[in-house]
Protein backbone atom coordinates (compact mmCIF):
# COMPACT_ATOMS: atom_id res chain seq x y z
CA MET A 1 -20.43 10.69 13.18
CA THR A 2 -19.56 8.06 10.60
CA LEU A 3 -15.97 8.20 9.39
CA SER A 4 -15.26 7.17 5.82
CA TYR A 5 -12.09 5.92 4.17
CA VAL A 6 -10.91 5.28 0.64
CA VAL A 7 -8.64 2.30 -0.07
CA THR A 8 -7.11 1.81 -3.51
CA GLY A 9 -6.40 -1.70 -4.72
CA GLY A 10 -8.67 -3.02 -1.98
CA GLY A 11 -9.80 -6.19 -3.70
CA ARG A 12 -7.19 -8.63 -2.46
CA GLY A 13 -4.06 -9.03 -0.38
CA ILE A 14 -3.03 -6.17 1.90
CA GLY A 15 -5.73 -3.91 0.48
CA ARG A 16 -8.48 -6.37 1.30
CA ALA A 17 -7.12 -6.85 4.83
CA ILE A 18 -7.16 -3.08 5.36
CA VAL A 19 -10.73 -2.85 4.09
CA GLU A 20 -11.93 -5.71 6.29
CA ARG A 21 -10.27 -4.21 9.37
CA LEU A 22 -11.84 -0.79 8.78
CA LEU A 23 -15.25 -2.37 8.19
CA SER A 24 -14.91 -4.32 11.44
CA ARG A 25 -14.66 -0.95 13.22
CA ARG A 26 -17.94 0.09 11.59
CA HIS A 27 -16.35 2.68 9.36
CA ALA A 28 -17.64 3.39 5.85
CA VAL A 29 -15.18 2.25 3.19
CA VAL A 30 -14.92 3.02 -0.51
CA VAL A 31 -12.69 0.72 -2.54
CA ILE A 32 -11.07 1.64 -5.84
CA GLU A 33 -10.34 -1.53 -7.78
CA ARG A 34 -9.82 -2.11 -11.49
CA ASP A 35 -9.97 -5.91 -11.28
CA GLU A 36 -13.65 -6.66 -10.74
CA GLU A 37 -12.92 -10.37 -10.23
CA ALA A 38 -11.03 -9.42 -7.07
CA LEU A 39 -14.25 -8.12 -5.52
CA ALA A 40 -16.29 -11.33 -5.48
CA TRP A 41 -16.14 -11.31 -1.67
CA VAL A 42 -17.67 -7.84 -1.35
CA SER A 43 -20.85 -7.49 0.71
CA GLY A 44 -23.38 -4.67 0.84
CA GLN A 45 -21.31 -2.87 3.50
CA LEU A 46 -18.80 -1.71 0.95
CA THR A 47 -18.90 0.92 -1.80
CA VAL A 48 -16.92 -0.05 -4.89
CA VAL A 49 -15.60 2.32 -7.53
CA ALA A 50 -14.36 0.33 -10.52
CA GLY A 51 -11.44 1.88 -12.34
CA ASP A 52 -7.81 2.93 -12.31
CA ALA A 53 -6.56 4.51 -9.08
CA GLY A 54 -4.22 6.61 -11.20
CA SER A 55 -7.16 8.48 -12.76
CA ASP A 56 -8.29 11.82 -11.34
CA GLN A 57 -11.84 11.09 -12.45
CA VAL A 58 -11.90 7.79 -10.58
CA THR A 59 -10.40 9.15 -7.36
CA GLU A 60 -12.69 12.17 -7.36
CA HIS A 61 -15.69 9.88 -7.78
CA ALA A 62 -14.47 7.74 -4.89
CA ALA A 63 -14.05 10.83 -2.71
CA ASP A 64 -17.59 11.93 -3.59
CA ARG A 65 -18.97 8.56 -2.58
CA ALA A 66 -17.00 8.57 0.66
CA GLN A 67 -18.27 12.02 1.60
CA GLU A 68 -21.84 10.98 0.84
CA VAL A 69 -21.73 8.38 3.61
CA GLY A 70 -19.55 10.06 6.22
CA MET A 71 -16.71 12.44 6.99
CA LEU A 72 -13.71 11.55 4.85
CA ALA A 73 -11.07 10.81 7.48
CA GLY A 74 -8.46 8.76 5.69
CA TRP A 75 -7.06 7.58 2.38
CA VAL A 76 -4.89 4.51 1.75
CA ASN A 77 -2.81 4.32 -1.43
CA ASN A 78 -2.26 0.59 -1.82
CA ALA A 79 -2.72 -0.08 -5.56
CA ALA A 80 0.44 -1.47 -7.17
CA VAL A 81 1.69 -3.22 -10.30
CA PHE A 82 4.14 -6.10 -9.94
CA GLN A 83 6.04 -6.28 -13.21
CA ASP A 84 9.79 -6.34 -13.61
CA ALA A 85 11.97 -4.61 -16.18
CA SER A 86 15.66 -3.78 -16.45
CA LEU A 87 17.51 -0.94 -18.10
CA ASP A 88 19.91 -3.35 -19.78
CA SER A 89 17.22 -5.45 -21.45
CA ASP A 90 14.11 -3.26 -21.78
CA ASP A 91 13.34 0.03 -23.46
CA ALA A 92 13.60 3.03 -21.19
CA GLU A 93 9.97 3.83 -21.98
CA ARG A 94 8.82 0.47 -20.60
CA VAL A 95 10.78 1.05 -17.39
CA LEU A 96 9.34 4.54 -17.04
CA ASP A 97 5.83 3.29 -17.75
CA LEU A 98 6.12 0.73 -14.94
CA ILE A 99 7.49 3.33 -12.53
CA ASP A 100 4.56 5.56 -13.46
CA ALA A 101 2.09 2.70 -12.99
CA ASN A 102 3.16 2.40 -9.34
CA LEU A 103 3.85 6.06 -8.56
CA ARG A 104 0.93 7.75 -10.31
CA PRO A 105 -1.85 6.18 -8.18
CA ALA A 106 -0.13 7.40 -5.00
CA VAL A 107 0.33 10.93 -6.38
CA ILE A 108 -3.23 11.13 -7.67
CA GLY A 109 -4.67 9.63 -4.50
CA CYS A 110 -2.71 12.03 -2.30
CA ARG A 111 -3.78 14.96 -4.45
CA THR A 112 -7.46 14.08 -4.17
CA ALA A 113 -7.28 13.40 -0.45
CA VAL A 114 -5.33 16.57 0.39
CA ARG A 115 -7.71 18.76 -1.58
CA ARG A 116 -10.77 17.20 0.05
CA PHE A 117 -9.27 17.52 3.54
CA LEU A 118 -8.38 21.17 2.91
CA ALA A 119 -11.80 21.99 1.51
CA ALA A 120 -13.57 20.37 4.46
CA GLY A 121 -11.23 21.93 7.00
CA THR A 122 -11.20 18.67 8.93
CA GLY A 123 -7.67 17.40 8.44
CA GLY A 124 -7.20 13.72 7.77
CA SER A 125 -4.72 10.90 7.42
CA ILE A 126 -3.08 9.42 4.34
CA VAL A 127 -1.18 6.13 4.44
CA ASN A 128 0.92 5.10 1.46
CA ILE A 129 1.92 1.46 1.10
CA SER A 130 5.62 1.34 0.37
CA SER A 131 7.94 -1.69 0.54
CA HIS A 132 11.20 -2.83 2.08
CA GLN A 133 12.44 -2.56 -1.52
CA ALA A 134 12.32 1.24 -1.29
CA ARG A 135 15.37 1.14 0.97
CA ARG A 136 17.00 -2.16 -0.04
CA ALA A 137 16.33 -3.02 -3.65
CA VAL A 138 15.80 -6.57 -4.84
CA PRO A 139 17.57 -7.43 -8.11
CA GLY A 140 15.14 -7.58 -11.03
CA ALA A 141 12.55 -5.20 -9.56
CA LEU A 142 13.95 -1.84 -10.61
CA PRO A 143 10.66 -0.08 -11.55
CA TYR A 144 8.92 -1.19 -8.35
CA SER A 145 11.85 -0.26 -6.09
CA THR A 146 12.24 3.13 -7.78
CA ALA A 147 8.54 3.95 -7.49
CA LYS A 148 8.37 2.91 -3.84
CA ALA A 149 11.40 5.08 -3.01
CA ALA A 150 9.64 8.00 -4.69
CA ILE A 151 6.47 7.30 -2.71
CA GLU A 152 8.43 7.54 0.53
CA GLY A 153 9.81 10.90 -0.62
CA LEU A 154 6.29 12.01 -1.51
CA THR A 155 5.14 10.98 1.95
CA ARG A 156 7.73 13.15 3.69
CA ALA A 157 7.16 16.15 1.41
CA LEU A 158 3.39 16.14 1.89
CA ALA A 159 3.73 15.71 5.65
CA VAL A 160 5.88 18.83 5.82
CA GLU A 161 3.68 20.87 3.48
CA HIS A 162 0.30 20.05 5.00
CA GLY A 163 0.91 19.08 8.61
CA ARG A 164 -0.13 22.56 9.74
CA HIS A 165 -3.58 21.85 8.29
CA GLY A 166 -4.00 18.72 10.38
CA ILE A 167 -3.19 16.44 7.46
CA ARG A 168 -0.89 13.57 8.39
CA VAL A 169 0.90 11.54 5.72
CA ASN A 170 2.76 8.35 6.55
CA ALA A 171 3.88 5.17 4.85
CA VAL A 172 4.07 1.51 5.79
CA ALA A 173 6.89 -0.60 4.36
CA PRO A 174 6.12 -4.33 4.50
CA GLY A 175 8.61 -7.12 4.05
CA THR A 176 7.41 -10.37 2.52
CA VAL A 177 3.68 -10.81 3.07
CA ALA A 178 1.74 -14.08 2.75
CA THR A 179 -0.92 -12.75 0.39
CA GLU A 180 -2.91 -14.68 -2.19
CA ARG A 181 -0.32 -13.67 -4.78
CA PHE A 182 2.44 -15.15 -2.63
CA ALA A 183 0.42 -18.34 -2.10
CA ASP A 184 -0.10 -18.70 -5.86
CA TYR A 185 3.64 -18.28 -6.42
CA MET A 186 4.49 -20.90 -3.81
CA SER A 187 1.94 -23.39 -5.09
CA ALA A 188 3.47 -23.24 -8.57
CA LEU A 189 6.86 -24.37 -7.22
CA SER A 190 8.04 -27.90 -6.68
CA PRO A 191 8.02 -29.03 -3.02
CA GLU A 192 11.81 -28.70 -2.90
CA ALA A 193 11.79 -25.20 -4.38
CA ALA A 194 8.99 -24.09 -2.06
CA MET A 195 10.94 -25.36 0.94
CA SER A 196 13.99 -23.41 -0.24
CA VAL A 197 11.93 -20.20 -0.55
CA GLU A 198 10.49 -20.69 2.94
CA HIS A 199 14.01 -21.16 4.30
CA ASP A 200 15.19 -17.97 2.60
CA ILE A 201 12.23 -15.97 3.91
CA ALA A 202 12.87 -17.22 7.44
CA ALA A 203 16.52 -16.16 7.13
CA LEU A 204 15.67 -12.70 5.75
CA HIS A 205 13.16 -11.90 8.52
CA PRO A 206 14.41 -12.10 12.13
CA LEU A 207 10.94 -13.20 13.23
CA GLY A 208 11.46 -16.22 10.99
CA ARG A 209 8.42 -15.92 8.74
CA ALA A 210 6.45 -13.78 6.33
CA ALA A 211 3.83 -11.35 7.63
CA THR A 212 0.12 -11.91 7.36
CA ALA A 213 -1.84 -9.30 5.42
CA ASP A 214 -3.75 -8.45 8.60
CA GLU A 215 -0.52 -7.59 10.43
CA ILE A 216 0.18 -4.95 7.78
CA ALA A 217 -3.42 -3.77 7.96
CA ALA A 218 -3.14 -3.34 11.74
CA ALA A 219 -0.25 -0.90 11.30
CA VAL A 220 -2.18 1.00 8.64
CA GLU A 221 -5.24 1.23 10.87
CA PHE A 222 -3.12 2.62 13.71
CA LEU A 223 -1.64 5.33 11.49
CA LEU A 224 -5.11 6.27 10.25
CA SER A 225 -6.49 6.50 13.78
CA ALA A 226 -6.33 9.17 16.46
CA ASP A 227 -3.93 6.90 18.37
CA GLY A 228 -1.36 7.70 15.69
CA GLY A 229 -2.21 11.38 15.80
CA PHE A 230 1.34 12.68 16.31
CA ILE A 231 3.00 10.45 13.72
CA ASN A 232 3.63 12.39 10.53
CA GLY A 233 6.10 11.96 7.69
CA ALA A 234 7.20 8.53 8.90
CA THR A 235 7.80 5.33 7.01
CA VAL A 236 7.09 2.46 9.40
CA PRO A 237 8.81 -0.84 8.56
CA VAL A 238 6.38 -3.70 9.22
CA ASP A 239 8.81 -6.36 8.13
CA GLY A 240 9.64 -8.57 11.09
CA GLY A 241 13.05 -6.89 11.35
CA ARG A 242 14.07 -7.47 7.73
CA ALA A 243 15.29 -3.90 7.21
CA ALA A 244 17.20 -3.96 10.50
CA LEU A 245 18.94 -7.21 9.56
CA GLY A 246 19.67 -6.02 6.04
CA LEU A 247 20.61 -9.31 4.40
CA ASP A 248 21.09 -9.34 0.65
CA PRO A 249 18.28 -11.52 -0.75
CA GLU A 250 20.58 -12.66 -3.54
CA ALA A 251 23.39 -13.70 -1.18
CA ARG A 252 23.91 -17.30 -0.11
CA LEU A 253 21.95 -17.79 3.09
CA ALA A 254 23.30 -20.08 5.80
């Protein structure tokens, strides 16, 4: 039987790595992506639903497409918005809007997945992409940190509510990841500034480097699979030991 999966924000970065890994296992994958330019790499193996992952209509359509091609076995809530705002300099409404932009897609995605799993009676696995910032905030990223902390709470609550139905809900919390976005940021810096950032990243992560997107995708794939079948309600740090070390990213690094 063909297993199908839905991945939100699957056009680039961690999302793309998750999609490519699932496709390599010959699973059917439906991607929700609002940035059509991010899907230039897509081949005929993939089903694309263009739109906002925070829309019920979009997620329901994606679930329909996934169930047309196989048994819906998993859902990955990866879509995120990287914009900063502060309570001392921005309107409260802007801060709340940015929290909503990151939290809503996870809530809507979980809602659609849970309802489909319950209706099918098959169980299934949901993986929410969190961040090391959910536990240790980075100055200047209040909306993102707040939303990711809420997503980890959502993960635990759903795991408790629906575990008896065979629905597992977990989260992965990456540290710094060498995505295209990170590469663009680094390329815009002077050589001296880029070297300083690389030094800081090495100091923040005991493994001495940023993760690759595929290393995050590997953890997601494990949680989706039967091999992770007794993991439920967990947030797995895939951060090279960054959370264990717990350095303040704004502190002077030796």
